[in-house]
Amino acid sequence: TPTQAQGRVLLSQSCGVCHLQPAMGAKTYGPPLGRTTAAGNDEAMRIIIVNGSERMPAFKYYLEPAEIDAIIAYLRTLPAPAAVASTESKGAPQ
């Protein structure tokens, strides 16, 4: 939809630096995003985007509510992110 297309652009511009891989296999600063982000709860996702977290800036002064809704609408089209294995689960020495 046009809203989802706008969300894709906004995600790329505003969130991509931390949440999108610059190249295959590259690590990202923030977690990968998808339909199960924030336990699949749109309101929880909205709160995180608006207020940020200890590692993420707040976007309440940068994005309009409709833009945040567009990002959420786009994320709902993405598959659930693959589980990221920790170094401990790979048997790395501690």
C-alpha atoms as a PDB file:
ATOM      1  CA  THR A   1       0.000   0.000   0.000  1.00  0.00           C
ATOM      2  CA  PRO A   2       1.131   3.630  -0.238  1.00  0.00           C
ATOM      3  CA  THR A   3       1.357   3.775   3.569  1.00  0.00           C
ATOM      4  CA  GLN A   4       3.597   0.722   3.665  1.00  0.00           C
ATOM      5  CA  ALA A   5       5.758   2.156   0.882  1.00  0.00           C
ATOM      6  CA  GLN A   6       6.150   5.376   2.873  1.00  0.00           C
ATOM      7  CA  GLY A   7       7.024   3.280   5.936  1.00  0.00           C
ATOM      8  CA  ARG A   8       9.719   1.463   3.983  1.00  0.00           C
ATOM      9  CA  VAL A   9      11.336   4.761   2.983  1.00  0.00           C
ATOM     10  CA  LEU A  10      11.077   6.175   6.509  1.00  0.00           C
ATOM     11  CA  LEU A  11      12.519   3.005   8.034  1.00  0.00           C
ATOM     12  CA  SER A  12      15.426   3.135   5.632  1.00  0.00           C
ATOM     13  CA  GLN A  13      16.076   6.839   6.297  1.00  0.00           C
ATOM     14  CA  SER A  14      15.455   6.998  10.045  1.00  0.00           C
ATOM     15  CA  CYS A  15      16.089   3.510  11.388  1.00  0.00           C
ATOM     16  CA  GLY A  16      18.276   1.830   8.798  1.00  0.00           C
ATOM     17  CA  VAL A  17      21.605   3.019  10.148  1.00  0.00           C
ATOM     18  CA  CYS A  18      21.091   0.802  13.213  1.00  0.00           C
ATOM     19  CA  HIS A  19      18.539  -1.810  12.159  1.00  0.00           C
ATOM     20  CA  LEU A  20      19.360  -2.671   8.519  1.00  0.00           C
ATOM     21  CA  GLN A  21      22.406  -4.656   7.429  1.00  0.00           C
ATOM     22  CA  PRO A  22      24.716  -2.635   5.182  1.00  0.00           C
ATOM     23  CA  ALA A  23      25.911  -5.921   3.620  1.00  0.00           C
ATOM     24  CA  MET A  24      25.062  -9.628   3.843  1.00  0.00           C
ATOM     25  CA  GLY A  25      26.236 -11.045   7.149  1.00  0.00           C
ATOM     26  CA  ALA A  26      27.184  -7.658   8.594  1.00  0.00           C
ATOM     27  CA  LYS A  27      26.207  -7.020  12.196  1.00  0.00           C
ATOM     28  CA  THR A  28      23.831  -4.224  13.088  1.00  0.00           C
ATOM     29  CA  TYR A  29      23.804  -2.024  16.157  1.00  0.00           C
ATOM     30  CA  GLY A  30      20.075  -2.493  16.761  1.00  0.00           C
ATOM     31  CA  PRO A  31      18.101  -5.712  16.498  1.00  0.00           C
ATOM     32  CA  PRO A  32      16.606  -6.781  13.178  1.00  0.00           C
ATOM     33  CA  LEU A  33      12.989  -5.661  12.807  1.00  0.00           C
ATOM     34  CA  GLY A  34       9.905  -7.471  11.555  1.00  0.00           C
ATOM     35  CA  ARG A  35       6.294  -8.328  12.298  1.00  0.00           C
ATOM     36  CA  THR A  36       7.176  -9.810  15.693  1.00  0.00           C
ATOM     37  CA  THR A  37       9.094  -6.749  16.905  1.00  0.00           C
ATOM     38  CA  ALA A  38       7.789  -5.603  20.310  1.00  0.00           C
ATOM     39  CA  ALA A  39       6.018  -8.963  20.611  1.00  0.00           C
ATOM     40  CA  GLY A  40       3.901  -8.045  17.572  1.00  0.00           C
ATOM     41  CA  ASN A  41       2.169  -5.291  19.535  1.00  0.00           C
ATOM     42  CA  ASP A  42       1.663  -2.111  17.492  1.00  0.00           C
ATOM     43  CA  GLU A  43       1.147   0.096  20.553  1.00  0.00           C
ATOM     44  CA  ALA A  44       4.308  -1.212  22.239  1.00  0.00           C
ATOM     45  CA  MET A  45       6.242  -0.566  19.033  1.00  0.00           C
ATOM     46  CA  ARG A  46       4.790   2.949  18.817  1.00  0.00           C
ATOM     47  CA  ILE A  47       5.867   3.689  22.417  1.00  0.00           C
ATOM     48  CA  ILE A  48       9.417   2.497  21.708  1.00  0.00           C
ATOM     49  CA  ILE A  49       9.678   4.591  18.532  1.00  0.00           C
ATOM     50  CA  VAL A  50       8.240   7.697  20.207  1.00  0.00           C
ATOM     51  CA  ASN A  51      10.173   7.495  23.487  1.00  0.00           C
ATOM     52  CA  GLY A  52      13.249   5.491  22.495  1.00  0.00           C
ATOM     53  CA  SER A  53      15.136   3.231  24.865  1.00  0.00           C
ATOM     54  CA  GLU A  54      18.461   3.308  26.632  1.00  0.00           C
ATOM     55  CA  ARG A  55      20.177   2.453  23.313  1.00  0.00           C
ATOM     56  CA  MET A  56      17.764   4.076  20.863  1.00  0.00           C
ATOM     57  CA  PRO A  57      16.929   7.769  20.464  1.00  0.00           C
ATOM     58  CA  ALA A  58      13.363   8.999  20.781  1.00  0.00           C
ATOM     59  CA  PHE A  59      11.733  10.008  17.508  1.00  0.00           C
ATOM     60  CA  LYS A  60       8.842  12.026  18.976  1.00  0.00           C
ATOM     61  CA  TYR A  61      10.335  15.313  17.788  1.00  0.00           C
ATOM     62  CA  TYR A  62      11.455  13.965  14.418  1.00  0.00           C
ATOM     63  CA  LEU A  63       8.596  11.805  13.111  1.00  0.00           C
ATOM     64  CA  GLU A  64       4.915  12.676  12.852  1.00  0.00           C
ATOM     65  CA  PRO A  65       2.380  10.171  14.272  1.00  0.00           C
ATOM     66  CA  ALA A  66       1.295   9.214  10.721  1.00  0.00           C
ATOM     67  CA  GLU A  67       4.929   8.515   9.812  1.00  0.00           C
ATOM     68  CA  ILE A  68       5.335   6.248  12.840  1.00  0.00           C
ATOM     69  CA  ASP A  69       2.127   4.460  11.809  1.00  0.00           C
ATOM     70  CA  ALA A  70       3.584   4.004   8.314  1.00  0.00           C
ATOM     71  CA  ILE A  71       6.764   2.447   9.712  1.00  0.00           C
ATOM     72  CA  ILE A  72       4.687   0.055  11.814  1.00  0.00           C
ATOM     73  CA  ALA A  73       2.501  -0.805   8.797  1.00  0.00           C
ATOM     74  CA  TYR A  74       5.628  -1.625   6.796  1.00  0.00           C
ATOM     75  CA  LEU A  75       7.138  -3.718   9.591  1.00  0.00           C
ATOM     76  CA  ARG A  76       3.938  -5.789   9.640  1.00  0.00           C
ATOM     77  CA  THR A  77       4.795  -6.897   6.075  1.00  0.00           C
ATOM     78  CA  LEU A  78       8.241  -8.214   7.032  1.00  0.00           C
ATOM     79  CA  PRO A  79       8.858 -11.763   8.233  1.00  0.00           C
ATOM     80  CA  ALA A  80       9.854 -12.386  11.828  1.00  0.00           C
ATOM     81  CA  PRO A  81      13.581 -11.752  12.263  1.00  0.00           C
ATOM     82  CA  ALA A  82      15.724 -14.865  12.523  1.00  0.00           C
ATOM     83  CA  ALA A  83      16.965 -15.622  16.011  1.00  0.00           C
ATOM     84  CA  VAL A  84      20.451 -14.258  16.533  1.00  0.00           C
ATOM     85  CA  ALA A  85      22.750 -16.832  18.103  1.00  0.00           C
ATOM     86  CA  SER A  86      24.939 -15.549  20.897  1.00  0.00           C
ATOM     87  CA  THR A  87      28.616 -16.445  21.181  1.00  0.00           C
ATOM     88  CA  GLU A  88      27.783 -18.509  24.263  1.00  0.00           C
ATOM     89  CA  SER A  89      25.368 -20.708  22.309  1.00  0.00           C
ATOM     90  CA  LYS A  90      28.102 -21.318  19.708  1.00  0.00           C
ATOM     91  CA  GLY A  91      30.381 -22.780  22.347  1.00  0.00           C
ATOM     92  CA  ALA A  92      32.848 -19.924  22.335  1.00  0.00           C
ATOM     93  CA  PRO A  93      35.322 -19.887  25.219  1.00  0.00           C
ATOM     94  CA  GLN A  94      34.341 -17.597  28.046  1.00  0.00           C
END
